[in-house]
Amino acid sequence: MTKQEMIDQLIEWNQDPDELKEMTYKELKSFYKEMKEEFSDDYLLFPNGRDRDAEDEDGI
């Protein structure tokens, strides 16, 4: 992944573009990895605490 691709994705995750552009590639890569892990956690998919079977229980 290029530096610009990481910056574009991080901007979508509401990070400051100016700060991102000042980072070195190594810093950016490390920060990107941290943010990717944070945004891929399951709790973000179900923020209201409902489990994965909630659709079935609602009859949808």
Protein backbone atom coordinates (compact mmCIF):
# COMPACT_ATOMS: atom_id res chain seq x y z
CA MET A 1 0.00 0.00 0.00
CA THR A 2 1.36 3.39 -0.92
CA LYS A 3 1.69 6.32 1.46
CA GLN A 4 -1.09 8.18 -0.36
CA GLU A 5 -3.46 5.20 -0.17
CA MET A 6 -2.91 4.99 3.59
CA ILE A 7 -3.46 8.74 3.96
CA ASP A 8 -6.68 8.54 1.94
CA GLN A 9 -8.01 5.73 4.11
CA LEU A 10 -7.04 7.48 7.34
CA ILE A 11 -8.77 10.65 6.17
CA GLU A 12 -11.93 8.57 5.69
CA TRP A 13 -11.47 7.51 9.33
CA ASN A 14 -11.54 11.22 10.32
CA GLN A 15 -7.82 11.74 10.85
CA ASP A 16 -6.15 15.11 10.26
CA PRO A 17 -4.73 15.21 6.71
CA ASP A 18 -2.06 17.77 7.58
CA GLU A 19 -0.65 15.63 10.39
CA LEU A 20 -0.72 12.54 8.20
CA LYS A 21 1.21 14.24 5.41
CA GLU A 22 3.95 15.27 7.85
CA MET A 23 4.54 11.68 9.02
CA THR A 24 7.30 9.55 7.60
CA TYR A 25 6.31 6.40 5.77
CA LYS A 26 7.33 4.27 8.75
CA GLU A 27 5.29 6.39 11.21
CA LEU A 28 2.31 6.40 8.88
CA LYS A 29 2.45 2.66 8.35
CA SER A 30 2.52 2.05 12.10
CA PHE A 31 -0.34 4.48 12.72
CA TYR A 32 -2.35 2.97 9.86
CA LYS A 33 -1.91 -0.51 11.33
CA GLU A 34 -3.15 0.68 14.75
CA MET A 35 -6.18 2.40 13.26
CA LYS A 36 -7.01 -0.54 11.02
CA GLU A 37 -7.03 -2.87 14.03
CA GLU A 38 -9.22 -0.44 15.96
CA PHE A 39 -11.71 -0.06 13.13
CA SER A 40 -11.89 -3.78 12.43
CA ASP A 41 -12.94 -4.80 15.95
CA ASP A 42 -16.29 -6.60 16.10
CA TYR A 43 -17.70 -4.24 18.68
CA LEU A 44 -17.82 -1.52 16.03
CA LEU A 45 -20.05 -3.68 13.87
CA PHE A 46 -22.61 -4.01 16.66
CA PRO A 47 -22.35 -0.85 18.79
CA ASN A 48 -25.76 -1.34 20.41
CA GLY A 49 -24.69 -4.57 22.06
CA ARG A 50 -26.94 -6.83 20.00
CA ASP A 51 -25.44 -10.08 18.91
CA ARG A 52 -24.97 -11.34 15.38
CA ASP A 53 -28.23 -13.31 15.45
CA ALA A 54 -30.32 -10.20 16.05
CA GLU A 55 -31.57 -10.18 12.46
CA ASP A 56 -33.00 -13.66 12.82
CA GLU A 57 -34.66 -12.82 16.13
CA ASP A 58 -36.35 -9.79 14.59
CA GLY A 59 -37.75 -11.92 11.81
CA ILE A 60 -35.98 -9.95 9.10
